[in-house]
Amino acid sequence: MRAKLLFAALLLSTLSAQAQCAMCRAVLETEDGAEKAAAVNDGIVYLMAFPYILVGAIGYIIYKNRQKSAAQRKMQHHEIQ
């Protein structure tokens, strides 16, 4: 239970990251204006979020299917006795 709470806390906590690939950074440093750099950073975070969302959704579906299977096995076990 403690590990699940720690995992949930780490999953929900966020840190601000200002990172780009080397090429994006080189291009953005030569141009004027930080607005474009901020947009690139937001795009990177946006693209980075989707794999985590997909893995979480697939994990949730697997979890629910296993719970359903366990409940069906339990019900069949009680019917046999």
N, C-alpha and C. Protein backbone atom coordinates (compact mmCIF):
# COMPACT_ATOMS: atom_id res chain seq x y z
N MET A 1 0.83 -1.19 0.00
CA MET A 1 0.00 0.00 0.00
C MET A 1 0.87 1.25 0.00
N ARG A 2 1.93 1.20 0.79
CA ARG A 2 2.84 2.35 0.88
C ARG A 2 3.52 2.61 -0.47
N ALA A 3 3.89 1.53 -1.15
CA ALA A 3 4.53 1.67 -2.46
C ALA A 3 3.56 2.27 -3.48
N LYS A 4 2.29 1.90 -3.39
CA LYS A 4 1.30 2.45 -4.32
C LYS A 4 1.11 3.94 -4.08
N LEU A 5 1.10 4.36 -2.82
CA LEU A 5 0.96 5.78 -2.52
C LEU A 5 2.17 6.56 -3.01
N LEU A 6 3.35 6.01 -2.82
CA LEU A 6 4.57 6.67 -3.29
C LEU A 6 4.55 6.78 -4.81
N PHE A 7 4.16 5.69 -5.48
CA PHE A 7 4.08 5.72 -6.93
C PHE A 7 3.09 6.77 -7.41
N ALA A 8 1.93 6.84 -6.77
CA ALA A 8 0.92 7.83 -7.15
C ALA A 8 1.43 9.25 -6.92
N ALA A 9 2.13 9.48 -5.82
CA ALA A 9 2.67 10.81 -5.54
C ALA A 9 3.71 11.20 -6.59
N LEU A 10 4.57 10.26 -6.95
CA LEU A 10 5.58 10.56 -7.96
C LEU A 10 4.95 10.78 -9.33
N LEU A 11 3.91 10.04 -9.63
CA LEU A 11 3.24 10.17 -10.91
C LEU A 11 2.54 11.52 -11.03
N LEU A 12 1.97 11.98 -9.95
CA LEU A 12 1.21 13.22 -9.98
C LEU A 12 2.06 14.47 -9.79
N SER A 13 3.27 14.31 -9.29
CA SER A 13 4.13 15.47 -9.10
C SER A 13 4.77 15.86 -10.43
N THR A 14 4.96 17.14 -10.62
CA THR A 14 5.54 17.62 -11.86
C THR A 14 6.70 18.56 -11.56
N LEU A 15 7.64 18.56 -12.44
CA LEU A 15 8.76 19.48 -12.35
C LEU A 15 8.83 20.25 -13.66
N SER A 16 9.18 21.50 -13.58
CA SER A 16 9.32 22.29 -14.79
C SER A 16 10.65 21.95 -15.46
N ALA A 17 10.59 21.60 -16.72
CA ALA A 17 11.80 21.24 -17.46
C ALA A 17 11.93 22.15 -18.67
N GLN A 18 13.10 22.66 -18.89
CA GLN A 18 13.38 23.50 -20.04
C GLN A 18 14.42 22.78 -20.88
N ALA A 19 13.98 21.84 -21.69
CA ALA A 19 14.91 21.03 -22.45
C ALA A 19 14.47 20.93 -23.90
N GLN A 20 15.46 20.87 -24.78
CA GLN A 20 15.21 20.69 -26.20
C GLN A 20 16.31 19.82 -26.76
N CYS A 21 16.07 19.31 -27.96
CA CYS A 21 17.15 18.61 -28.63
C CYS A 21 18.20 19.65 -29.04
N ALA A 22 19.38 19.20 -29.33
CA ALA A 22 20.49 20.11 -29.64
C ALA A 22 20.19 21.00 -30.85
N MET A 23 19.57 20.44 -31.87
CA MET A 23 19.28 21.21 -33.08
C MET A 23 18.22 22.28 -32.82
N CYS A 24 17.18 21.92 -32.09
CA CYS A 24 16.13 22.90 -31.78
C CYS A 24 16.71 24.05 -30.96
N ARG A 25 17.53 23.71 -30.01
CA ARG A 25 18.12 24.73 -29.15
C ARG A 25 19.01 25.67 -29.95
N ALA A 26 19.81 25.12 -30.85
CA ALA A 26 20.71 25.96 -31.66
C ALA A 26 19.91 26.91 -32.55
N VAL A 27 18.83 26.43 -33.13
CA VAL A 27 18.01 27.28 -33.99
C VAL A 27 17.32 28.37 -33.17
N LEU A 28 16.79 28.00 -32.02
CA LEU A 28 16.05 28.96 -31.21
C LEU A 28 16.95 30.00 -30.56
N GLU A 29 18.19 29.65 -30.29
CA GLU A 29 19.10 30.63 -29.69
C GLU A 29 19.51 31.71 -30.69
N THR A 30 19.47 31.39 -31.97
CA THR A 30 19.86 32.38 -32.97
C THR A 30 18.74 33.35 -33.29
N GLU A 31 17.51 32.98 -33.04
CA GLU A 31 16.38 33.86 -33.33
C GLU A 31 16.03 34.72 -32.12
N ASP A 32 15.43 35.87 -32.39
CA ASP A 32 15.01 36.75 -31.31
C ASP A 32 13.64 36.33 -30.78
N GLY A 33 13.46 36.50 -29.50
CA GLY A 33 12.16 36.24 -28.89
C GLY A 33 12.11 34.89 -28.20
N ALA A 34 11.69 34.93 -26.96
CA ALA A 34 11.59 33.71 -26.16
C ALA A 34 10.24 33.02 -26.35
N GLU A 35 9.32 33.69 -27.05
CA GLU A 35 8.00 33.11 -27.23
C GLU A 35 8.07 31.83 -28.06
N LYS A 36 8.89 31.83 -29.09
CA LYS A 36 9.04 30.64 -29.93
C LYS A 36 9.69 29.50 -29.15
N ALA A 37 10.67 29.83 -28.32
CA ALA A 37 11.32 28.80 -27.50
C ALA A 37 10.34 28.18 -26.52
N ALA A 38 9.49 29.00 -25.93
CA ALA A 38 8.49 28.48 -24.99
C ALA A 38 7.50 27.57 -25.72
N ALA A 39 7.14 27.93 -26.95
CA ALA A 39 6.22 27.10 -27.72
C ALA A 39 6.85 25.74 -28.03
N VAL A 40 8.14 25.74 -28.36
CA VAL A 40 8.83 24.47 -28.64
C VAL A 40 8.87 23.62 -27.38
N ASN A 41 9.16 24.22 -26.24
CA ASN A 41 9.18 23.47 -24.97
C ASN A 41 7.80 22.89 -24.66
N ASP A 42 6.76 23.66 -24.88
CA ASP A 42 5.40 23.16 -24.65
C ASP A 42 5.08 22.00 -25.59
N GLY A 43 5.52 22.09 -26.82
CA GLY A 43 5.30 21.01 -27.78
C GLY A 43 6.01 19.73 -27.38
N ILE A 44 7.21 19.86 -26.85
CA ILE A 44 7.97 18.70 -26.40
C ILE A 44 7.24 18.02 -25.24
N VAL A 45 6.78 18.80 -24.29
CA VAL A 45 6.06 18.23 -23.15
C VAL A 45 4.75 17.58 -23.62
N TYR A 46 4.07 18.21 -24.55
CA TYR A 46 2.82 17.67 -25.10
C TYR A 46 3.07 16.31 -25.75
N LEU A 47 4.10 16.22 -26.57
CA LEU A 47 4.41 14.96 -27.24
C LEU A 47 4.90 13.89 -26.26
N MET A 48 5.56 14.31 -25.21
CA MET A 48 6.09 13.37 -24.22
C MET A 48 4.97 12.76 -23.37
N ALA A 49 3.87 13.46 -23.20
CA ALA A 49 2.80 13.00 -22.31
C ALA A 49 2.03 11.82 -22.89
N PHE A 50 1.86 11.75 -24.19
CA PHE A 50 1.00 10.73 -24.78
C PHE A 50 1.47 9.30 -24.55
N PRO A 51 2.75 8.97 -24.64
CA PRO A 51 3.13 7.58 -24.33
C PRO A 51 2.76 7.18 -22.91
N TYR A 52 2.91 8.08 -21.96
CA TYR A 52 2.54 7.77 -20.58
C TYR A 52 1.04 7.57 -20.44
N ILE A 53 0.26 8.38 -21.12
CA ILE A 53 -1.19 8.23 -21.08
C ILE A 53 -1.60 6.89 -21.69
N LEU A 54 -1.00 6.52 -22.81
CA LEU A 54 -1.33 5.25 -23.45
C LEU A 54 -0.96 4.06 -22.57
N VAL A 55 0.22 4.10 -21.98
CA VAL A 55 0.64 3.00 -21.10
C VAL A 55 -0.28 2.91 -19.89
N GLY A 56 -0.66 4.04 -19.34
CA GLY A 56 -1.58 4.04 -18.21
C GLY A 56 -2.94 3.48 -18.58
N ALA A 57 -3.45 3.85 -19.76
CA ALA A 57 -4.76 3.35 -20.20
C ALA A 57 -4.71 1.84 -20.43
N ILE A 58 -3.65 1.37 -21.07
CA ILE A 58 -3.51 -0.07 -21.31
C ILE A 58 -3.39 -0.81 -19.98
N GLY A 59 -2.61 -0.28 -19.06
CA GLY A 59 -2.48 -0.89 -17.74
C GLY A 59 -3.81 -0.95 -17.00
N TYR A 60 -4.60 0.09 -17.11
CA TYR A 60 -5.92 0.12 -16.46
C TYR A 60 -6.84 -0.93 -17.06
N ILE A 61 -6.82 -1.06 -18.38
CA ILE A 61 -7.66 -2.06 -19.05
C ILE A 61 -7.26 -3.47 -18.62
N ILE A 62 -5.95 -3.73 -18.56
CA ILE A 62 -5.48 -5.05 -18.12
C ILE A 62 -5.90 -5.30 -16.67
N TYR A 63 -5.77 -4.31 -15.82
CA TYR A 63 -6.16 -4.43 -14.41
C TYR A 63 -7.64 -4.77 -14.29
N LYS A 64 -8.49 -4.05 -15.01
CA LYS A 64 -9.93 -4.30 -14.94
C LYS A 64 -10.27 -5.68 -15.47
N ASN A 65 -9.63 -6.11 -16.56
CA ASN A 65 -9.90 -7.45 -17.10
C ASN A 65 -9.49 -8.54 -16.12
N ARG A 66 -8.38 -8.36 -15.44
CA ARG A 66 -7.94 -9.35 -14.46
C ARG A 66 -8.89 -9.40 -13.27
N GLN A 67 -9.39 -8.26 -12.84
CA GLN A 67 -10.36 -8.24 -11.74
C GLN A 67 -11.63 -8.96 -12.14
N LYS A 68 -12.08 -8.71 -13.36
CA LYS A 68 -13.30 -9.35 -13.84
C LYS A 68 -13.11 -10.86 -13.93
N SER A 69 -11.96 -11.30 -14.42
CA SER A 69 -11.68 -12.74 -14.51
C SER A 69 -11.63 -13.39 -13.14
N ALA A 70 -11.02 -12.71 -12.18
CA ALA A 70 -10.93 -13.25 -10.83
C ALA A 70 -12.33 -13.36 -10.21
N ALA A 71 -13.18 -12.38 -10.45
CA ALA A 71 -14.54 -12.43 -9.91
C ALA A 71 -15.33 -13.57 -10.55
N GLN A 72 -15.14 -13.80 -11.83
CA GLN A 72 -15.84 -14.89 -12.51
C GLN A 72 -15.36 -16.25 -12.00
N ARG A 73 -14.04 -16.39 -11.78
CA ARG A 73 -13.52 -17.64 -11.25
C ARG A 73 -14.06 -17.90 -9.85
N LYS A 74 -14.13 -16.85 -9.04
CA LYS A 74 -14.64 -16.98 -7.69
C LYS A 74 -16.12 -17.41 -7.71
N MET A 75 -16.88 -16.83 -8.62
CA MET A 75 -18.29 -17.16 -8.73
C MET A 75 -18.45 -18.60 -9.20
N GLN A 76 -17.65 -19.06 -10.14
CA GLN A 76 -17.73 -20.42 -10.62
C GLN A 76 -17.31 -21.39 -9.52
N HIS A 77 -16.34 -21.03 -8.73
CA HIS A 77 -15.90 -21.87 -7.62
C HIS A 77 -17.01 -22.07 -6.59
N HIS A 78 -17.75 -20.99 -6.31
CA HIS A 78 -18.87 -21.08 -5.35
C HIS A 78 -20.02 -21.89 -5.93
N GLU A 79 -20.23 -21.83 -7.24
CA GLU A 79 -21.33 -22.57 -7.86
C GLU A 79 -21.03 -24.08 -7.83
N ILE A 80 -19.76 -24.46 -7.96
CA ILE A 80 -19.38 -25.86 -7.98
C ILE A 80 -19.61 -26.48 -6.60
N GLN A 81 -19.33 -25.76 -5.57
CA GLN A 81 -19.47 -26.29 -4.21
C GLN A 81 -20.88 -26.27 -3.84
